[in-house]
Each structure stands twice: as C-alpha cells, then as structure tokens.
PDB file of N, CA and C in Angstrom:
ATOM      1  N   UNK A   1     -45.635  -2.730   3.824  1.00  0.00           N
ATOM      2  CA  UNK A   1     -45.742  -2.087   4.784  1.00  0.00           C
ATOM      3  C   UNK A   1     -46.080  -0.586   4.285  1.00  0.00           C
ATOM      4  N   UNK A   2     -47.463  -0.049   4.423  1.00  0.00           N
ATOM      5  CA  UNK A   2     -47.922   1.072   3.996  1.00  0.00           C
ATOM      6  C   UNK A   2     -47.239   2.388   4.601  1.00  0.00           C
ATOM      7  N   UNK A   3     -46.902   2.153   5.839  1.00  0.00           N
ATOM      8  CA  UNK A   3     -46.160   3.399   6.456  1.00  0.00           C
ATOM      9  C   UNK A   3     -44.851   3.644   5.835  1.00  0.00           C
ATOM     10  N   UNK A   4     -44.135   2.609   5.368  1.00  0.00           N
ATOM     11  CA  UNK A   4     -42.798   2.762   4.852  1.00  0.00           C
ATOM     12  C   UNK A   4     -42.919   3.181   3.304  1.00  0.00           C
ATOM     13  N   UNK A   5     -43.875   2.705   2.457  1.00  0.00           N
ATOM     14  CA  UNK A   5     -44.178   3.352   1.322  1.00  0.00           C
ATOM     15  C   UNK A   5     -44.456   4.542   1.358  1.00  0.00           C
ATOM     16  N   UNK A   6     -45.357   5.150   2.262  1.00  0.00           N
ATOM     17  CA  UNK A   6     -45.963   6.431   2.362  1.00  0.00           C
ATOM     18  C   UNK A   6     -44.673   7.433   2.665  1.00  0.00           C
ATOM     19  N   UNK A   7     -43.865   6.991   3.321  1.00  0.00           N
ATOM     20  CA  UNK A   7     -42.855   7.887   3.787  1.00  0.00           C
ATOM     21  C   UNK A   7     -41.390   7.630   2.864  1.00  0.00           C
ATOM     22  N   UNK A   8     -41.557   7.191   1.714  1.00  0.00           N
ATOM     23  CA  UNK A   8     -40.526   7.110   0.772  1.00  0.00           C
ATOM     24  C   UNK A   8     -39.270   5.983   1.129  1.00  0.00           C
ATOM     25  N   UNK A   9     -39.694   4.876   1.751  1.00  0.00           N
ATOM     26  CA  UNK A   9     -38.570   3.955   2.133  1.00  0.00           C
ATOM     27  C   UNK A   9     -38.125   3.419   0.672  1.00  0.00           C
ATOM     28  N   UNK A  10     -36.950   3.196   0.416  1.00  0.00           N
ATOM     29  CA  UNK A  10     -36.307   2.672  -0.613  1.00  0.00           C
ATOM     30  C   UNK A  10     -36.230   1.118  -0.529  1.00  0.00           C
ATOM     31  N   UNK A  11     -36.157   0.451  -1.763  1.00  0.00           N
ATOM     32  CA  UNK A  11     -35.861  -1.023  -1.794  1.00  0.00           C
ATOM     33  C   UNK A  11     -36.767  -1.792  -0.834  1.00  0.00           C
ATOM     34  N   UNK A  12     -37.871  -1.631  -0.563  1.00  0.00           N
ATOM     35  CA  UNK A  12     -38.613  -2.288   0.208  1.00  0.00           C
ATOM     36  C   UNK A  12     -38.853  -3.700  -0.325  1.00  0.00           C
ATOM     37  N   UNK A  13     -38.668  -4.503   0.684  1.00  0.00           N
ATOM     38  CA  UNK A  13     -38.728  -6.189   0.523  1.00  0.00           C
ATOM     39  C   UNK A  13     -39.190  -6.764   1.594  1.00  0.00           C
ATOM     40  N   UNK A  14     -40.245  -7.777   1.255  1.00  0.00           N
ATOM     41  CA  UNK A  14     -40.732  -8.496   2.425  1.00  0.00           C
ATOM     42  C   UNK A  14     -40.330 -10.014   2.015  1.00  0.00           C
ATOM     43  N   UNK A  15     -39.861 -10.695   3.116  1.00  0.00           N
ATOM     44  CA  UNK A  15     -39.194 -12.130   2.926  1.00  0.00           C
ATOM     45  C   UNK A  15     -40.138 -12.885   3.832  1.00  0.00           C
ATOM     46  N   UNK A  16     -40.647 -14.071   3.269  1.00  0.00           N
ATOM     47  CA  UNK A  16     -41.420 -15.036   3.950  1.00  0.00           C
ATOM     48  C   UNK A  16     -40.558 -16.007   4.559  1.00  0.00           C
ATOM     49  N   UNK A  17     -40.439 -16.035   5.833  1.00  0.00           N
ATOM     50  CA  UNK A  17     -39.624 -16.810   6.596  1.00  0.00           C
ATOM     51  C   UNK A  17     -40.178 -18.259   7.092  1.00  0.00           C
ATOM     52  N   UNK A  18     -41.639 -18.214   6.981  1.00  0.00           N
ATOM     53  CA  UNK A  18     -42.224 -19.317   7.469  1.00  0.00           C
ATOM     54  C   UNK A  18     -41.588 -20.627   6.901  1.00  0.00           C
ATOM     55  N   UNK A  19     -41.455 -21.652   7.788  1.00  0.00           N
ATOM     56  CA  UNK A  19     -40.791 -22.900   7.274  1.00  0.00           C
ATOM     57  C   UNK A  19     -39.144 -22.747   7.372  1.00  0.00           C
ATOM     58  N   UNK A  20     -38.517 -21.457   7.315  1.00  0.00           N
ATOM     59  CA  UNK A  20     -37.263 -21.435   7.417  1.00  0.00           C
ATOM     60  C   UNK A  20     -36.709 -20.927   8.900  1.00  0.00           C
ATOM     61  N   UNK A  21     -37.507 -20.187   9.737  1.00  0.00           N
ATOM     62  CA  UNK A  21     -37.275 -19.743  10.993  1.00  0.00           C
ATOM     63  C   UNK A  21     -38.428 -19.784  11.844  1.00  0.00           C
ATOM     64  N   UNK A  22     -37.886 -20.253  13.067  1.00  0.00           N
ATOM     65  CA  UNK A  22     -38.854 -20.378  14.100  1.00  0.00           C
ATOM     66  C   UNK A  22     -39.007 -18.974  14.881  1.00  0.00           C
ATOM     67  N   UNK A  23     -38.298 -18.027  14.762  1.00  0.00           N
ATOM     68  CA  UNK A  23     -38.268 -16.803  15.487  1.00  0.00           C
ATOM     69  C   UNK A  23     -39.445 -15.836  14.997  1.00  0.00           C
ATOM     70  N   UNK A  24     -39.592 -15.895  13.781  1.00  0.00           N
ATOM     71  CA  UNK A  24     -40.688 -14.709  13.179  1.00  0.00           C
ATOM     72  C   UNK A  24     -41.077 -15.414  11.792  1.00  0.00           C
ATOM     73  N   UNK A  25     -42.146 -14.879  11.331  1.00  0.00           N
ATOM     74  CA  UNK A  25     -42.734 -15.299   9.963  1.00  0.00           C
ATOM     75  C   UNK A  25     -42.148 -14.378   8.859  1.00  0.00           C
ATOM     76  N   UNK A  26     -41.997 -13.448   9.079  1.00  0.00           N
ATOM     77  CA  UNK A  26     -41.602 -12.349   7.841  1.00  0.00           C
ATOM     78  C   UNK A  26     -40.611 -11.399   8.278  1.00  0.00           C
ATOM     79  N   UNK A  27     -39.679 -11.121   7.502  1.00  0.00           N
ATOM     80  CA  UNK A  27     -38.593  -9.888   7.569  1.00  0.00           C
ATOM     81  C   UNK A  27     -39.070  -8.776   6.563  1.00  0.00           C
ATOM     82  N   UNK A  28     -39.339  -7.779   7.085  1.00  0.00           N
ATOM     83  CA  UNK A  28     -39.655  -6.608   6.142  1.00  0.00           C
ATOM     84  C   UNK A  28     -38.263  -5.665   6.140  1.00  0.00           C
ATOM     85  N   UNK A  29     -37.755  -5.621   5.089  1.00  0.00           N
ATOM     86  CA  UNK A  29     -36.433  -4.861   4.923  1.00  0.00           C
ATOM     87  C   UNK A  29     -36.674  -3.540   4.097  1.00  0.00           C
ATOM     88  N   UNK A  30     -36.091  -2.344   4.469  1.00  0.00           N
ATOM     89  CA  UNK A  30     -36.224  -1.119   3.873  1.00  0.00           C
ATOM     90  C   UNK A  30     -35.134  -0.391   4.114  1.00  0.00           C
ATOM     91  N   UNK A  31     -34.738   0.617   3.289  1.00  0.00           N
ATOM     92  CA  UNK A  31     -33.569   1.570   3.351  1.00  0.00           C
ATOM     93  C   UNK A  31     -34.158   3.046   3.522  1.00  0.00           C
ATOM     94  N   UNK A  32     -33.435   3.883   4.112  1.00  0.00           N
ATOM     95  CA  UNK A  32     -33.789   5.209   4.301  1.00  0.00           C
ATOM     96  C   UNK A  32     -32.500   5.846   3.795  1.00  0.00           C
ATOM     97  N   UNK A  33     -32.581   7.202   3.258  1.00  0.00           N
ATOM     98  CA  UNK A  33     -31.604   7.833   2.640  1.00  0.00           C
ATOM     99  C   UNK A  33     -30.356   8.439   3.514  1.00  0.00           C
ATOM    100  N   UNK A  34     -30.907   8.424   4.684  1.00  0.00           N
ATOM    101  CA  UNK A  34     -29.894   8.883   5.781  1.00  0.00           C
ATOM    102  C   UNK A  34     -30.341   8.384   7.141  1.00  0.00           C
ATOM    103  N   UNK A  35     -29.295   8.674   8.113  1.00  0.00           N
ATOM    104  CA  UNK A  35     -29.731   8.366   9.597  1.00  0.00           C
ATOM    105  C   UNK A  35     -31.220   8.945   9.948  1.00  0.00           C
ATOM    106  N   UNK A  36     -31.357  10.213   9.693  1.00  0.00           N
ATOM    107  CA  UNK A  36     -32.647  10.970  10.166  1.00  0.00           C
ATOM    108  C   UNK A  36     -33.820  10.255   9.376  1.00  0.00           C
ATOM    109  N   UNK A  37     -33.628   9.793   7.956  1.00  0.00           N
ATOM    110  CA  UNK A  37     -34.731   9.110   7.340  1.00  0.00           C
ATOM    111  C   UNK A  37     -34.875   7.727   7.821  1.00  0.00           C
ATOM    112  N   UNK A  38     -33.995   7.115   8.280  1.00  0.00           N
ATOM    113  CA  UNK A  38     -34.021   5.750   8.791  1.00  0.00           C
ATOM    114  C   UNK A  38     -34.849   5.802  10.116  1.00  0.00           C
ATOM    115  N   UNK A  39     -34.558   6.878  11.011  1.00  0.00           N
ATOM    116  CA  UNK A  39     -35.206   7.006  12.405  1.00  0.00           C
ATOM    117  C   UNK A  39     -36.801   7.420  12.126  1.00  0.00           C
ATOM    118  N   UNK A  40     -36.872   8.142  11.239  1.00  0.00           N
ATOM    119  CA  UNK A  40     -38.354   8.789  10.769  1.00  0.00           C
ATOM    120  C   UNK A  40     -39.003   7.544  10.330  1.00  0.00           C
ATOM    121  N   UNK A  41     -38.500   6.703   9.382  1.00  0.00           N
ATOM    122  CA  UNK A  41     -39.320   5.645   8.958  1.00  0.00           C
ATOM    123  C   UNK A  41     -39.805   4.748   9.943  1.00  0.00           C
ATOM    124  N   UNK A  42     -38.714   4.382  10.845  1.00  0.00           N
ATOM    125  CA  UNK A  42     -39.162   3.438  12.019  1.00  0.00           C
ATOM    126  C   UNK A  42     -40.007   4.155  12.965  1.00  0.00           C
ATOM    127  N   UNK A  43     -39.980   5.333  13.188  1.00  0.00           N
ATOM    128  CA  UNK A  43     -41.020   5.755  14.171  1.00  0.00           C
ATOM    129  C   UNK A  43     -42.358   5.862  13.470  1.00  0.00           C
ATOM    130  N   UNK A  44     -42.440   6.046  12.104  1.00  0.00           N
ATOM    131  CA  UNK A  44     -43.698   6.030  11.453  1.00  0.00           C
ATOM    132  C   UNK A  44     -44.320   4.580  11.439  1.00  0.00           C
ATOM    133  N   UNK A  45     -43.517   3.604  11.163  1.00  0.00           N
ATOM    134  CA  UNK A  45     -43.999   2.179  11.452  1.00  0.00           C
ATOM    135  C   UNK A  45     -44.690   1.887  12.700  1.00  0.00           C
ATOM    136  N   UNK A  46     -43.860   2.403  13.838  1.00  0.00           N
ATOM    137  CA  UNK A  46     -44.318   2.034  15.262  1.00  0.00           C
ATOM    138  C   UNK A  46     -45.701   2.801  15.409  1.00  0.00           C
ATOM    139  N   UNK A  47     -45.781   4.125  15.143  1.00  0.00           N
ATOM    140  CA  UNK A  47     -46.733   5.096  15.263  1.00  0.00           C
ATOM    141  C   UNK A  47     -48.054   4.218  14.408  1.00  0.00           C
ATOM    142  N   UNK A  48     -47.800   3.924  13.355  1.00  0.00           N
ATOM    143  CA  UNK A  48     -48.988   3.550  12.243  1.00  0.00           C
ATOM    144  C   UNK A  48     -49.442   2.076  12.972  1.00  0.00           C
ATOM    145  N   UNK A  49     -48.707   1.199  13.421  1.00  0.00           N
ATOM    146  CA  UNK A  49     -48.946  -0.085  13.955  1.00  0.00           C
ATOM    147  C   UNK A  49     -49.588   0.054  15.338  1.00  0.00           C
ATOM    148  N   UNK A  50     -49.123   1.244  16.148  1.00  0.00           N
ATOM    149  CA  UNK A  50     -49.705   1.513  17.399  1.00  0.00           C
ATOM    150  C   UNK A  50     -51.085   1.751  17.329  1.00  0.00           C
ATOM    151  N   UNK A  51     -51.568   2.518  16.173  1.00  0.00           N
ATOM    152  CA  UNK A  51     -52.920   2.921  15.858  1.00  0.00           C
ATOM    153  C   UNK A  51     -53.858   1.795  15.585  1.00  0.00           C
ATOM    154  N   UNK A  52     -53.205   0.773  15.000  1.00  0.00           N
ATOM    155  CA  UNK A  52     -53.845  -0.551  14.793  1.00  0.00           C
ATOM    156  C   UNK A  52     -53.694  -1.492  16.029  1.00  0.00           C
ATOM    157  N   UNK A  53     -53.226  -1.053  17.082  1.00  0.00           N
ATOM    158  CA  UNK A  53     -53.308  -2.004  18.319  1.00  0.00           C
ATOM    159  C   UNK A  53     -52.034  -3.025  18.466  1.00  0.00           C
ATOM    160  N   UNK A  54     -50.931  -2.802  17.628  1.00  0.00           N
ATOM    161  CA  UNK A  54     -49.804  -3.537  17.602  1.00  0.00           C
ATOM    162  C   UNK A  54     -48.702  -2.719  18.132  1.00  0.00           C
ATOM    163  N   UNK A  55     -48.082  -3.248  19.075  1.00  0.00           N
ATOM    164  CA  UNK A  55     -46.993  -2.440  19.580  1.00  0.00           C
ATOM    165  C   UNK A  55     -45.588  -3.414  19.556  1.00  0.00           C
ATOM    166  N   UNK A  56     -44.414  -2.978  19.252  1.00  0.00           N
ATOM    167  CA  UNK A  56     -43.105  -3.698  19.127  1.00  0.00           C
ATOM    168  C   UNK A  56     -42.888  -4.327  20.326  1.00  0.00           C
ATOM    169  N   UNK A  57     -42.356  -5.797  20.245  1.00  0.00           N
ATOM    170  CA  UNK A  57     -41.948  -6.381  21.426  1.00  0.00           C
ATOM    171  C   UNK A  57     -40.597  -5.911  22.003  1.00  0.00           C
ATOM    172  N   UNK A  58     -39.874  -5.472  20.891  1.00  0.00           N
ATOM    173  CA  UNK A  58     -38.407  -5.196  21.049  1.00  0.00           C
ATOM    174  C   UNK A  58     -38.104  -4.107  19.927  1.00  0.00           C
ATOM    175  N   UNK A  59     -37.169  -3.133  20.292  1.00  0.00           N
ATOM    176  CA  UNK A  59     -36.736  -2.180  19.254  1.00  0.00           C
ATOM    177  C   UNK A  59     -35.249  -1.994  19.596  1.00  0.00           C
ATOM    178  N   UNK A  60     -34.412  -1.983  18.528  1.00  0.00           N
ATOM    179  CA  UNK A  60     -33.076  -1.756  18.588  1.00  0.00           C
ATOM    180  C   UNK A  60     -32.593  -0.732  17.703  1.00  0.00           C
ATOM    181  N   UNK A  61     -31.584  -0.026  17.888  1.00  0.00           N
ATOM    182  CA  UNK A  61     -30.986   0.806  17.128  1.00  0.00           C
ATOM    183  C   UNK A  61     -31.601   2.134  16.633  1.00  0.00           C
ATOM    184  N   UNK A  62     -32.716   2.701  17.271  1.00  0.00           N
ATOM    185  CA  UNK A  62     -33.604   3.848  16.900  1.00  0.00           C
ATOM    186  C   UNK A  62     -32.614   5.199  17.094  1.00  0.00           C
ATOM    187  N   UNK A  63     -32.059   5.185  18.324  1.00  0.00           N
ATOM    188  CA  UNK A  63     -31.339   6.502  18.553  1.00  0.00           C
ATOM    189  C   UNK A  63     -30.140   6.804  17.413  1.00  0.00           C
ATOM    190  N   UNK A  64     -29.466   5.682  17.049  1.00  0.00           N
ATOM    191  CA  UNK A  64     -28.290   5.793  16.053  1.00  0.00           C
ATOM    192  C   UNK A  64     -29.090   6.030  14.792  1.00  0.00           C
ATOM    193  N   UNK A  65     -30.042   5.331  14.251  1.00  0.00           N
ATOM    194  CA  UNK A  65     -30.476   5.527  12.846  1.00  0.00           C
ATOM    195  C   UNK A  65     -29.897   4.704  11.950  1.00  0.00           C
ATOM    196  N   UNK A  66     -28.942   3.989  12.206  1.00  0.00           N
ATOM    197  CA  UNK A  66     -28.080   3.396  11.081  1.00  0.00           C
ATOM    198  C   UNK A  66     -28.654   1.935  10.683  1.00  0.00           C
ATOM    199  N   UNK A  67     -29.291   1.142  11.542  1.00  0.00           N
ATOM    200  CA  UNK A  67     -29.934   0.133  11.397  1.00  0.00           C
ATOM    201  C   UNK A  67     -30.954  -0.101  12.581  1.00  0.00           C
ATOM    202  N   UNK A  68     -32.238  -0.032  12.217  1.00  0.00           N
ATOM    203  CA  UNK A  68     -33.323   0.020  13.127  1.00  0.00           C
ATOM    204  C   UNK A  68     -33.938  -1.315  13.088  1.00  0.00           C
ATOM    205  N   UNK A  69     -34.044  -2.119  14.032  1.00  0.00           N
ATOM    206  CA  UNK A  69     -34.710  -3.398  14.304  1.00  0.00           C
ATOM    207  C   UNK A  69     -36.069  -3.171  14.899  1.00  0.00           C
ATOM    208  N   UNK A  70     -37.186  -3.500  14.422  1.00  0.00           N
ATOM    209  CA  UNK A  70     -38.569  -3.442  15.044  1.00  0.00           C
ATOM    210  C   UNK A  70     -39.089  -4.777  15.133  1.00  0.00           C
ATOM    211  N   UNK A  71     -39.088  -5.498  16.234  1.00  0.00           N
ATOM    212  CA  UNK A  71     -39.661  -6.858  16.517  1.00  0.00           C
ATOM    213  C   UNK A  71     -41.057  -6.852  17.000  1.00  0.00           C
ATOM    214  N   UNK A  72     -42.107  -7.311  15.931  1.00  0.00           N
ATOM    215  CA  UNK A  72     -43.375  -7.153  16.409  1.00  0.00           C
ATOM    216  C   UNK A  72     -43.842  -8.728  16.496  1.00  0.00           C
ATOM    217  N   UNK A  73     -42.756  -9.656  16.830  1.00  0.00           N
ATOM    218  CA  UNK A  73     -42.868 -11.135  16.961  1.00  0.00           C
ATOM    219  C   UNK A  73     -43.437 -11.981  15.693  1.00  0.00           C
ATOM    220  N   UNK A  74     -44.424 -11.730  15.085  1.00  0.00           N
ATOM    221  CA  UNK A  74     -44.766 -12.416  13.846  1.00  0.00           C
ATOM    222  C   UNK A  74     -44.019 -11.989  12.662  1.00  0.00           C
ATOM    223  N   UNK A  75     -43.510 -10.550  12.786  1.00  0.00           N
ATOM    224  CA  UNK A  75     -42.598 -10.026  11.736  1.00  0.00           C
ATOM    225  C   UNK A  75     -41.838  -9.082  12.316  1.00  0.00           C
ATOM    226  N   UNK A  76     -40.448  -8.908  11.671  1.00  0.00           N
ATOM    227  CA  UNK A  76     -39.590  -8.081  12.166  1.00  0.00           C
ATOM    228  C   UNK A  76     -39.132  -6.976  10.969  1.00  0.00           C
ATOM    229  N   UNK A  77     -39.281  -5.769  11.254  1.00  0.00           N
ATOM    230  CA  UNK A  77     -38.845  -4.629  10.495  1.00  0.00           C
ATOM    231  C   UNK A  77     -37.465  -4.156  10.639  1.00  0.00           C
ATOM    232  N   UNK A  78     -36.749  -4.367   9.376  1.00  0.00           N
ATOM    233  CA  UNK A  78     -35.346  -3.763   9.437  1.00  0.00           C
ATOM    234  C   UNK A  78     -35.258  -2.714   8.605  1.00  0.00           C
ATOM    235  N   UNK A  79     -34.880  -1.514   9.030  1.00  0.00           N
ATOM    236  CA  UNK A  79     -34.810  -0.213   8.436  1.00  0.00           C
ATOM    237  C   UNK A  79     -33.216   0.023   8.464  1.00  0.00           C
ATOM    238  N   UNK A  80     -32.670  -0.060   7.263  1.00  0.00           N
ATOM    239  CA  UNK A  80     -31.317   0.297   7.097  1.00  0.00           C
ATOM    240  C   UNK A  80     -30.949   1.725   6.565  1.00  0.00           C
ATOM    241  N   UNK A  81     -29.632   2.224   6.785  1.00  0.00           N
ATOM    242  CA  UNK A  81     -28.835   3.018   6.127  1.00  0.00           C
ATOM    243  C   UNK A  81     -28.269   2.359   4.913  1.00  0.00           C
ATOM    244  N   UNK A  82     -28.406   2.788   3.785  1.00  0.00           N
ATOM    245  CA  UNK A  82     -27.888   2.012   2.549  1.00  0.00           C
ATOM    246  C   UNK A  82     -26.564   1.428   2.659  1.00  0.00           C
ATOM    247  N   UNK A  83     -25.589   2.069   3.421  1.00  0.00           N
ATOM    248  CA  UNK A  83     -24.240   1.433   3.572  1.00  0.00           C
ATOM    249  C   UNK A  83     -24.344   0.108   4.369  1.00  0.00           C
ATOM    250  N   UNK A  84     -25.045   0.076   5.421  1.00  0.00           N
ATOM    251  CA  UNK A  84     -25.242  -0.973   6.375  1.00  0.00           C
ATOM    252  C   UNK A  84     -26.061  -2.121   5.823  1.00  0.00           C
ATOM    253  N   UNK A  85     -27.097  -1.737   5.010  1.00  0.00           N
ATOM    254  CA  UNK A  85     -27.816  -2.682   4.190  1.00  0.00           C
ATOM    255  C   UNK A  85     -26.909  -3.511   3.155  1.00  0.00           C
ATOM    256  N   UNK A  86     -26.027  -2.816   2.395  1.00  0.00           N
ATOM    257  CA  UNK A  86     -25.306  -3.375   1.601  1.00  0.00           C
ATOM    258  C   UNK A  86     -24.079  -4.285   2.411  1.00  0.00           C
ATOM    259  N   UNK A  87     -23.757  -3.783   3.550  1.00  0.00           N
ATOM    260  CA  UNK A  87     -22.628  -4.634   4.321  1.00  0.00           C
ATOM    261  C   UNK A  87     -23.276  -5.758   4.905  1.00  0.00           C
ATOM    262  N   UNK A  88     -24.614  -5.864   5.509  1.00  0.00           N
ATOM    263  CA  UNK A  88     -25.058  -7.137   6.130  1.00  0.00           C
ATOM    264  C   UNK A  88     -25.753  -7.910   5.186  1.00  0.00           C
ATOM    265  N   UNK A  89     -26.327  -7.643   4.128  1.00  0.00           N
ATOM    266  CA  UNK A  89     -26.957  -8.097   3.060  1.00  0.00           C
ATOM    267  C   UNK A  89     -27.892  -9.327   3.587  1.00  0.00           C
ATOM    268  N   UNK A  90     -28.917  -9.011   4.194  1.00  0.00           N
ATOM    269  CA  UNK A  90     -29.771  -9.929   4.835  1.00  0.00           C
ATOM    270  C   UNK A  90     -30.536 -10.565   3.686  1.00  0.00           C
ATOM    271  N   UNK A  91     -30.747 -10.007   2.667  1.00  0.00           N
ATOM    272  CA  UNK A  91     -31.305 -10.584   1.394  1.00  0.00           C
ATOM    273  C   UNK A  91     -30.690 -11.993   0.922  1.00  0.00           C
ATOM    274  N   UNK A  92     -29.230 -11.583   0.967  1.00  0.00           N
ATOM    275  CA  UNK A  92     -28.285 -12.888   0.545  1.00  0.00           C
ATOM    276  C   UNK A  92     -28.501 -13.951   1.789  1.00  0.00           C
ATOM    277  N   UNK A  93     -28.332 -13.396   2.867  1.00  0.00           N
ATOM    278  CA  UNK A  93     -28.425 -14.460   4.065  1.00  0.00           C
ATOM    279  C   UNK A  93     -29.679 -15.275   4.136  1.00  0.00           C
ATOM    280  N   UNK A  94     -30.713 -14.724   3.758  1.00  0.00           N
ATOM    281  CA  UNK A  94     -32.018 -15.275   3.697  1.00  0.00           C
ATOM    282  C   UNK A  94     -32.522 -15.637   2.381  1.00  0.00           C
ATOM    283  N   UNK A  95     -31.460 -15.936   1.333  1.00  0.00           N
ATOM    284  CA  UNK A  95     -31.866 -16.021  -0.081  1.00  0.00           C
ATOM    285  C   UNK A  95     -32.725 -17.326  -0.253  1.00  0.00           C
ATOM    286  N   UNK A  96     -32.874 -18.281   0.674  1.00  0.00           N
ATOM    287  CA  UNK A  96     -33.981 -19.416   0.639  1.00  0.00           C
ATOM    288  C   UNK A  96     -35.394 -19.013   0.824  1.00  0.00           C
ATOM    289  N   UNK A  97     -35.503 -17.526   1.457  1.00  0.00           N
ATOM    290  CA  UNK A  97     -36.963 -17.168   1.720  1.00  0.00           C
ATOM    291  C   UNK A  97     -37.510 -16.511   0.478  1.00  0.00           C
ATOM    292  N   UNK A  98     -38.926 -16.867   0.125  1.00  0.00           N
ATOM    293  CA  UNK A  98     -39.221 -16.147  -0.978  1.00  0.00           C
ATOM    294  C   UNK A  98     -39.831 -14.746  -0.767  1.00  0.00           C
ATOM    295  N   UNK A  99     -39.619 -13.850  -1.525  1.00  0.00           N
ATOM    296  CA  UNK A  99     -40.110 -12.521  -1.404  1.00  0.00           C
ATOM    297  C   UNK A  99     -41.682 -12.425  -1.691  1.00  0.00           C
ATOM    298  N   UNK A 100     -42.157 -11.592  -0.896  1.00  0.00           N
ATOM    299  CA  UNK A 100     -43.836 -11.458  -0.986  1.00  0.00           C
ATOM    300  C   UNK A 100     -43.880 -10.114  -1.614  1.00  0.00           C
ATOM    301  N   UNK A 101     -45.012  -9.871  -2.215  1.00  0.00           N
ATOM    302  CA  UNK A 101     -45.466  -8.724  -2.711  1.00  0.00           C
ATOM    303  C   UNK A 101     -45.273  -7.358  -1.723  1.00  0.00           C
ATOM    304  N   UNK A 102     -45.026  -6.312  -2.216  1.00  0.00           N
ATOM    305  CA  UNK A 102     -45.007  -5.217  -1.332  1.00  0.00           C
ATOM    306  C   UNK A 102     -46.421  -4.796  -0.778  1.00  0.00           C
ATOM    307  N   UNK A 103     -47.285  -5.535  -1.161  1.00  0.00           N
ATOM    308  CA  UNK A 103     -48.738  -5.291  -0.633  1.00  0.00           C
ATOM    309  C   UNK A 103     -48.849  -5.951   0.817  1.00  0.00           C
ATOM    310  N   UNK A 104     -47.955  -6.455   1.327  1.00  0.00           N
ATOM    311  CA  UNK A 104     -47.925  -7.069   2.634  1.00  0.00           C
ATOM    312  C   UNK A 104     -48.265  -6.012   3.705  1.00  0.00           C
ATOM    313  N   UNK A 105     -49.415  -6.529   4.515  1.00  0.00           N
ATOM    314  CA  UNK A 105     -49.992  -5.515   5.477  1.00  0.00           C
ATOM    315  C   UNK A 105     -50.340  -6.058   6.697  1.00  0.00           C
ATOM    316  N   UNK A 106     -50.247  -5.354   7.734  1.00  0.00           N
ATOM    317  CA  UNK A 106     -50.689  -6.120   8.956  1.00  0.00           C
ATOM    318  C   UNK A 106     -52.050  -5.417   9.513  1.00  0.00           C
TER     319      UNK A 106
END
C-alpha cells in the first residue's frame, strides 16, 4: 500500500487470505510509531483510496489510534500501535496465509 509506505509505516505486511477466509481476500498489516502516527496512517489510506473511488465499508478504532481497522471488503487494513501489534500477533494467528510482496496495490 503506497499510502502506508509513503507515510513511513513500519513492518508493512500483506497476507493473502484467499482460500483461508471467506470474509476478505487480504490483510494489510502495518505499525505506526505512536497513536497519532497510527491515526494519520489510517487517514492517509482512506484519503488515498477515496481518490481512487474506494471507500471503506467499515472503520474501527480511528479516534483512539491504538489499532485501526479499515474494512474495504476485498481487503482489510490493520494499523497498529507496536505494543498492540505484538500483543495480538495477527501474523501468528494467520501463519497459514502466504505473505505477498509489499507492492500490493489497489
């Protein structure tokens, strides 16, 4: 996701969930360095995809900025504060999902 890379998201990872999950095709997982950075990253993703004609179906956690979930139906973007990313370990929970190159774009 270019918007995440351009705004210095850390540890960007895209997991291919096709065949593993009926709810979405991809998880995009990234970390910010602070609550403010997490919120800003999520807002940049929404703005960037709005310009391309995609709007999120559902958004959670934006005001707090600890873990923001942006559901675009075909893919879900998770932007974490580092401590919450370490706690929830989505990468471990979805260890069967292959990682996709960070060149994933919508």
